[in-house]
Amino acid sequence: MQGEKSKILVDERELEYRMGMTETYDLAKLAGSVTPTNVKVAIVSQPKFKASIEFYEQIANLRGFKIKAFFDKDSAISWLNSN
């Protein structure tokens, strides 16, 4: 159905971030340029990567990619299910 949003939950709690800020910027820029505007993505990460994931979120959102970072799964699911 047209106008319907796709919802994606990405659980990265077991992932160790090893990219620097430049690589994070480039990845967010790319993701924002190739992701359809009807996709809503929640990423669940470890709190120790707060600066990296929130930087990624900011850059991707500036490019039209509807993404939000969380540190617990329930909050991420709640956001995905909200308007």
C-alpha atoms as a PDB file:
ATOM      1  CA  MET A   1       0.000   0.000   0.000  1.00  0.00           C
ATOM      2  CA  GLN A   2       1.427   3.379  -0.979  1.00  0.00           C
ATOM      3  CA  GLY A   3       2.454   5.601   1.905  1.00  0.00           C
ATOM      4  CA  GLU A   4       3.032   2.658   4.240  1.00  0.00           C
ATOM      5  CA  LYS A   5       6.299   2.782   6.174  1.00  0.00           C
ATOM      6  CA  SER A   6       8.725  -0.097   6.328  1.00  0.00           C
ATOM      7  CA  LYS A   7      10.057  -0.628   9.841  1.00  0.00           C
ATOM      8  CA  ILE A   8      13.471  -2.117  10.559  1.00  0.00           C
ATOM      9  CA  LEU A   9      14.976  -2.979  13.937  1.00  0.00           C
ATOM     10  CA  VAL A  10      18.771  -3.329  13.903  1.00  0.00           C
ATOM     11  CA  ASP A  11      20.201  -4.920  17.052  1.00  0.00           C
ATOM     12  CA  GLU A  12      23.884  -3.969  17.309  1.00  0.00           C
ATOM     13  CA  ARG A  13      24.349  -4.717  21.006  1.00  0.00           C
ATOM     14  CA  GLU A  14      26.883  -7.441  20.205  1.00  0.00           C
ATOM     15  CA  LEU A  15      28.737  -5.254  17.692  1.00  0.00           C
ATOM     16  CA  GLU A  16      32.034  -3.562  18.552  1.00  0.00           C
ATOM     17  CA  TYR A  17      32.293  -0.280  16.660  1.00  0.00           C
ATOM     18  CA  ARG A  18      35.752   0.135  15.155  1.00  0.00           C
ATOM     19  CA  MET A  19      35.162   2.880  12.622  1.00  0.00           C
ATOM     20  CA  GLY A  20      36.449   6.367  13.164  1.00  0.00           C
ATOM     21  CA  MET A  21      34.286   9.460  12.795  1.00  0.00           C
ATOM     22  CA  THR A  22      35.244   9.934   9.136  1.00  0.00           C
ATOM     23  CA  GLU A  23      34.148   6.397   8.236  1.00  0.00           C
ATOM     24  CA  THR A  24      30.986   6.807  10.314  1.00  0.00           C
ATOM     25  CA  TYR A  25      30.192  10.038   8.464  1.00  0.00           C
ATOM     26  CA  ASP A  26      30.761   8.410   5.067  1.00  0.00           C
ATOM     27  CA  LEU A  27      28.563   5.411   5.949  1.00  0.00           C
ATOM     28  CA  ALA A  28      25.732   7.618   7.232  1.00  0.00           C
ATOM     29  CA  LYS A  29      25.961   9.825   4.158  1.00  0.00           C
ATOM     30  CA  LEU A  30      25.749   6.774   1.882  1.00  0.00           C
ATOM     31  CA  ALA A  31      22.868   5.217   3.857  1.00  0.00           C
ATOM     32  CA  GLY A  32      20.950   8.470   3.714  1.00  0.00           C
ATOM     33  CA  SER A  33      21.373   8.708  -0.036  1.00  0.00           C
ATOM     34  CA  VAL A  34      20.239   5.160  -0.908  1.00  0.00           C
ATOM     35  CA  THR A  35      17.482   4.470   1.634  1.00  0.00           C
ATOM     36  CA  PRO A  36      13.884   5.095   0.526  1.00  0.00           C
ATOM     37  CA  THR A  37      12.070   7.799   2.470  1.00  0.00           C
ATOM     38  CA  ASN A  38       9.348   5.364   3.614  1.00  0.00           C
ATOM     39  CA  VAL A  39      11.826   3.329   5.702  1.00  0.00           C
ATOM     40  CA  LYS A  40      11.991   3.865   9.464  1.00  0.00           C
ATOM     41  CA  VAL A  41      15.013   2.298  11.212  1.00  0.00           C
ATOM     42  CA  ALA A  42      15.699   1.863  14.929  1.00  0.00           C
ATOM     43  CA  ILE A  43      19.241   0.879  15.904  1.00  0.00           C
ATOM     44  CA  VAL A  44      19.881  -0.625  19.335  1.00  0.00           C
ATOM     45  CA  SER A  45      23.485  -0.133  20.391  1.00  0.00           C
ATOM     46  CA  GLN A  46      25.688  -0.333  23.459  1.00  0.00           C
ATOM     47  CA  PRO A  47      25.792   2.860  25.570  1.00  0.00           C
ATOM     48  CA  LYS A  48      29.590   2.986  25.302  1.00  0.00           C
ATOM     49  CA  PHE A  49      29.160   3.806  21.572  1.00  0.00           C
ATOM     50  CA  LYS A  50      26.720   6.663  22.241  1.00  0.00           C
ATOM     51  CA  ALA A  51      28.833   9.349  20.527  1.00  0.00           C
ATOM     52  CA  SER A  52      29.367   7.289  17.366  1.00  0.00           C
ATOM     53  CA  ILE A  53      25.786   6.092  16.932  1.00  0.00           C
ATOM     54  CA  GLU A  54      24.276   9.502  17.651  1.00  0.00           C
ATOM     55  CA  PHE A  55      26.678  11.098  15.145  1.00  0.00           C
ATOM     56  CA  TYR A  56      25.609   8.481  12.569  1.00  0.00           C
ATOM     57  CA  GLU A  57      21.953   9.206  13.372  1.00  0.00           C
ATOM     58  CA  GLN A  58      22.418  12.951  12.943  1.00  0.00           C
ATOM     59  CA  ILE A  59      24.210  12.706   9.577  1.00  0.00           C
ATOM     60  CA  ALA A  60      21.764  10.136   8.173  1.00  0.00           C
ATOM     61  CA  ASN A  61      18.720  12.150   9.296  1.00  0.00           C
ATOM     62  CA  LEU A  62      20.097  15.273   7.628  1.00  0.00           C
ATOM     63  CA  ARG A  63      20.000  13.289   4.387  1.00  0.00           C
ATOM     64  CA  GLY A  64      16.395  12.168   4.795  1.00  0.00           C
ATOM     65  CA  PHE A  65      17.054   8.740   6.344  1.00  0.00           C
ATOM     66  CA  LYS A  66      14.524   8.226   9.189  1.00  0.00           C
ATOM     67  CA  ILE A  67      16.730   6.559  11.802  1.00  0.00           C
ATOM     68  CA  LYS A  68      17.001   6.733  15.574  1.00  0.00           C
ATOM     69  CA  ALA A  69      19.506   5.272  18.027  1.00  0.00           C
ATOM     70  CA  PHE A  70      18.477   3.493  21.221  1.00  0.00           C
ATOM     71  CA  PHE A  71      20.190   1.647  24.024  1.00  0.00           C
ATOM     72  CA  ASP A  72      17.324  -0.680  24.895  1.00  0.00           C
ATOM     73  CA  LYS A  73      15.204  -2.785  22.590  1.00  0.00           C
ATOM     74  CA  ASP A  74      11.801  -1.954  24.090  1.00  0.00           C
ATOM     75  CA  SER A  75      12.253   1.782  23.461  1.00  0.00           C
ATOM     76  CA  ALA A  76      13.329   1.077  19.888  1.00  0.00           C
ATOM     77  CA  ILE A  77      10.249  -1.066  19.227  1.00  0.00           C
ATOM     78  CA  SER A  78       7.987   1.539  20.802  1.00  0.00           C
ATOM     79  CA  TRP A  79       9.438   4.256  18.524  1.00  0.00           C
ATOM     80  CA  LEU A  80       9.057   2.064  15.440  1.00  0.00           C
ATOM     81  CA  ASN A  81       5.396   1.516  16.259  1.00  0.00           C
ATOM     82  CA  SER A  82       4.677   5.207  16.845  1.00  0.00           C
ATOM     83  CA  ASN A  83       3.516   7.520  14.073  1.00  0.00           C
END
